[in-house]
């Protein structure tokens, strides 16, 4: 008989513990449901969803998460969330700063004003004594340049003859040789 009574006490205690545990879970679920339905809970669930989405390998997901989190946290972080807003709740448009004059350089905009060019005083220049390049040119270098000029003249003459005879000629090479010949003639004056 004592065994039955002990078993009955055990079952009663066990059922009371189950009832207490289910009541506690029910109240937790009720509180969680109320919280999720509140504006604060909706912001929190949106933040959690965005956080999970930011972990996915989607281009721009992290940036979007950061922007959305800033929007969600803005009313929470600012104590005077409605200060400076109109009746409808719109915030005023941000005022733009005065434009800063910028110059476009080869590597982007520069906020430096363009320096003014002063007049060059030619009377202050030192006399180097060199009147032309040919007067002071190294004789060996001059001979090398003269030899190069002669070879180019021969190549240009040969290519012109081929072109006049109707044979195919690399015109790019001909033009390059003529340009080099003109530069050598100017140097060797």
Protein backbone atom coordinates (compact mmCIF):
# COMPACT_ATOMS: atom_id res chain seq x y z
CA UNK A 1 0.00 0.00 0.00
CA UNK A 2 2.80 2.33 0.80
CA UNK A 3 4.20 1.69 -2.65
CA UNK A 4 0.95 2.81 -4.30
CA UNK A 5 0.83 5.93 -2.19
CA UNK A 6 4.43 6.79 -3.04
CA UNK A 7 3.73 6.23 -6.72
CA UNK A 8 0.61 8.43 -6.51
CA UNK A 9 2.62 11.19 -4.80
CA UNK A 10 5.28 10.88 -7.46
CA UNK A 11 2.68 11.20 -10.26
CA UNK A 12 1.06 14.21 -8.56
CA UNK A 13 4.40 15.95 -8.15
CA UNK A 14 5.37 15.07 -11.69
CA UNK A 15 2.09 16.45 -13.12
CA UNK A 16 2.39 19.62 -10.98
CA UNK A 17 5.93 20.14 -12.29
CA UNK A 18 4.73 19.57 -15.88
CA UNK A 19 1.86 22.04 -15.37
CA UNK A 20 4.19 24.64 -13.85
CA UNK A 21 6.68 24.20 -16.72
CA UNK A 22 3.97 24.46 -19.38
CA UNK A 23 2.52 27.60 -17.70
CA UNK A 24 6.00 29.15 -17.63
CA UNK A 25 6.55 28.33 -21.33
CA UNK A 26 3.10 29.67 -22.20
CA UNK A 27 3.78 32.98 -20.43
CA UNK A 28 7.20 33.24 -22.11
CA UNK A 29 5.62 32.62 -25.54
CA UNK A 30 2.88 35.18 -24.78
CA UNK A 31 5.48 37.78 -23.77
CA UNK A 32 7.57 37.01 -26.85
CA UNK A 33 4.53 37.32 -29.13
CA UNK A 34 3.60 40.67 -27.56
CA UNK A 35 7.19 41.87 -27.94
CA UNK A 36 7.44 40.80 -31.60
CA UNK A 37 4.16 42.58 -32.37
CA UNK A 38 5.35 45.80 -30.74
CA UNK A 39 7.23 48.39 -32.90
CA UNK A 40 10.42 47.76 -30.96
CA UNK A 41 10.13 43.99 -31.51
CA UNK A 42 9.46 44.49 -35.21
CA UNK A 43 12.63 46.59 -35.49
CA UNK A 44 14.57 43.89 -33.67
CA UNK A 45 13.25 41.07 -35.87
CA UNK A 46 14.03 43.14 -38.99
CA UNK A 47 17.55 43.69 -37.67
CA UNK A 48 18.02 39.96 -37.06
CA UNK A 49 16.72 39.14 -40.55
CA UNK A 50 19.03 41.69 -42.13
CA UNK A 51 21.94 40.35 -40.10
CA UNK A 52 21.32 36.83 -41.35
CA UNK A 53 20.91 38.12 -44.93
CA UNK A 54 24.20 40.01 -44.67
CA UNK A 55 25.97 36.70 -44.07
CA UNK A 56 24.83 35.40 -47.46
CA UNK A 57 27.23 35.87 -50.39
CA UNK A 58 25.06 38.50 -52.08
CA UNK A 59 26.78 41.55 -53.59
CA UNK A 60 26.08 44.65 -51.51
CA UNK A 61 24.35 42.73 -48.69
CA UNK A 62 26.70 44.02 -45.99
CA UNK A 63 26.31 47.63 -47.10
CA UNK A 64 22.55 47.28 -47.21
CA UNK A 65 22.62 45.69 -43.73
CA UNK A 66 24.65 48.59 -42.37
CA UNK A 67 22.30 51.18 -43.91
CA UNK A 68 19.18 49.39 -42.67
CA UNK A 69 20.66 49.00 -39.19
CA UNK A 70 21.42 52.72 -39.12
CA UNK A 71 17.80 53.44 -40.05
CA UNK A 72 16.50 51.01 -37.43
CA UNK A 73 18.81 52.24 -34.68
CA UNK A 74 18.28 55.95 -35.43
CA UNK A 75 15.03 56.33 -33.43
CA UNK A 76 16.44 54.18 -30.62
CA UNK A 77 19.76 56.01 -30.34
CA UNK A 78 18.39 59.55 -30.49
CA UNK A 79 16.54 60.56 -27.34
CA UNK A 80 14.69 63.41 -29.05
CA UNK A 81 13.57 61.40 -32.08
CA UNK A 82 10.72 63.80 -32.92
CA UNK A 83 12.62 67.03 -32.35
CA UNK A 84 12.91 69.07 -35.54
CA UNK A 85 10.27 67.07 -37.43
CA UNK A 86 7.05 68.44 -38.88
CA UNK A 87 3.53 67.31 -37.98
CA UNK A 88 3.60 64.35 -40.39
CA UNK A 89 6.92 63.14 -38.91
CA UNK A 90 9.18 64.03 -41.81
CA UNK A 91 12.68 65.17 -41.04
CA UNK A 92 13.88 68.34 -42.78
CA UNK A 93 16.07 67.92 -45.83
CA UNK A 94 19.78 68.17 -44.99
CA UNK A 95 21.39 71.47 -45.85
CA UNK A 96 24.19 71.19 -48.36
CA UNK A 97 27.56 72.75 -47.68
CA UNK A 98 28.77 75.65 -49.76
CA UNK A 99 30.51 74.29 -52.87
CA UNK A 100 34.29 74.27 -52.65
CA UNK A 101 36.03 75.13 -55.93
CA UNK A 102 37.98 72.11 -57.13
CA UNK A 103 40.34 71.64 -60.02
CA UNK A 104 40.38 68.39 -61.96
CA UNK A 105 43.91 67.01 -62.03
CA UNK A 106 45.32 63.88 -63.66
CA UNK A 107 44.69 61.90 -60.45
CA UNK A 108 41.32 63.38 -59.49
CA UNK A 109 40.01 66.57 -57.96
CA UNK A 110 42.38 68.86 -56.11
CA UNK A 111 41.20 71.56 -53.73
CA UNK A 112 44.32 73.63 -54.31
CA UNK A 113 44.08 76.91 -56.13
CA UNK A 114 45.98 77.15 -59.40
CA UNK A 115 49.32 78.91 -58.89
CA UNK A 116 49.86 82.01 -60.97
CA UNK A 117 52.64 81.92 -63.53
CA UNK A 118 55.15 84.72 -63.07
CA UNK A 119 57.00 86.34 -65.94
CA UNK A 120 60.34 84.72 -66.72
CA UNK A 121 63.16 87.23 -66.66
CA UNK A 122 65.54 86.17 -69.46
CA UNK A 123 68.25 88.63 -68.33
CA UNK A 124 68.97 86.52 -65.23
CA UNK A 125 69.94 83.40 -67.22
CA UNK A 126 73.58 82.23 -67.18
CA UNK A 127 75.42 82.04 -70.47
CA UNK A 128 76.48 78.42 -71.04
CA UNK A 129 78.58 79.21 -74.08
CA UNK A 130 76.82 76.59 -76.23
CA UNK A 131 75.31 78.22 -79.27
CA UNK A 132 74.12 75.03 -80.97
CA UNK A 133 74.22 71.29 -80.39
CA UNK A 134 76.44 70.61 -83.40
CA UNK A 135 79.21 72.90 -82.15
CA UNK A 136 79.72 70.92 -78.95
CA UNK A 137 78.68 67.43 -80.11
CA UNK A 138 81.08 64.58 -79.50
CA UNK A 139 82.74 63.76 -82.87
CA UNK A 140 82.21 60.01 -82.44
CA UNK A 141 78.55 60.57 -81.66
CA UNK A 142 78.21 62.88 -84.67
CA UNK A 143 79.79 60.21 -86.94
CA UNK A 144 77.40 57.57 -85.56
CA UNK A 145 74.41 59.83 -86.24
CA UNK A 146 75.67 60.59 -89.77
CA UNK A 147 76.02 56.85 -90.44
CA UNK A 148 72.51 56.22 -89.14
CA UNK A 149 71.14 59.02 -91.32
CA UNK A 150 72.82 57.52 -94.42
CA UNK A 151 71.36 54.06 -93.73
CA UNK A 152 67.88 55.52 -93.22
CA UNK A 153 68.16 57.51 -96.47
CA UNK A 154 69.10 54.30 -98.32
CA UNK A 155 66.17 52.39 -96.77
CA UNK A 156 63.70 55.19 -97.60
CA UNK A 157 65.01 55.38 -101.20
CA UNK A 158 64.73 51.58 -101.59
CA UNK A 159 61.18 51.51 -100.15
CA UNK A 160 60.09 54.42 -102.39
CA UNK A 161 61.46 52.58 -105.43
CA UNK A 162 59.58 49.41 -104.43
CA UNK A 163 56.36 51.41 -103.94
CA UNK A 164 56.73 53.09 -107.34
CA UNK A 165 57.30 49.67 -108.95
CA UNK A 166 54.02 48.42 -107.45
CA UNK A 167 55.59 46.06 -104.93
CA UNK A 168 54.09 45.80 -101.41
CA UNK A 169 55.71 48.10 -98.85
CA UNK A 170 55.15 48.40 -95.07
CA UNK A 171 53.91 52.01 -95.01
CA UNK A 172 54.11 52.27 -91.19
CA UNK A 173 57.81 51.42 -91.34
CA UNK A 174 58.33 53.94 -94.17
CA UNK A 175 56.66 56.72 -92.19
CA UNK A 176 58.66 55.85 -89.05
CA UNK A 177 61.91 55.98 -91.05
CA UNK A 178 60.96 59.34 -92.59
CA UNK A 179 60.16 60.76 -89.14
CA UNK A 180 63.48 59.51 -87.76
CA UNK A 181 65.29 60.99 -90.79
CA UNK A 182 63.67 64.38 -90.19
CA UNK A 183 64.68 64.31 -86.51
CA UNK A 184 68.29 63.36 -87.40
CA UNK A 185 68.47 66.16 -89.99
CA UNK A 186 67.33 68.68 -87.37
CA UNK A 187 69.89 67.38 -84.86
CA UNK A 188 72.77 67.45 -87.36
CA UNK A 189 72.19 70.98 -88.71
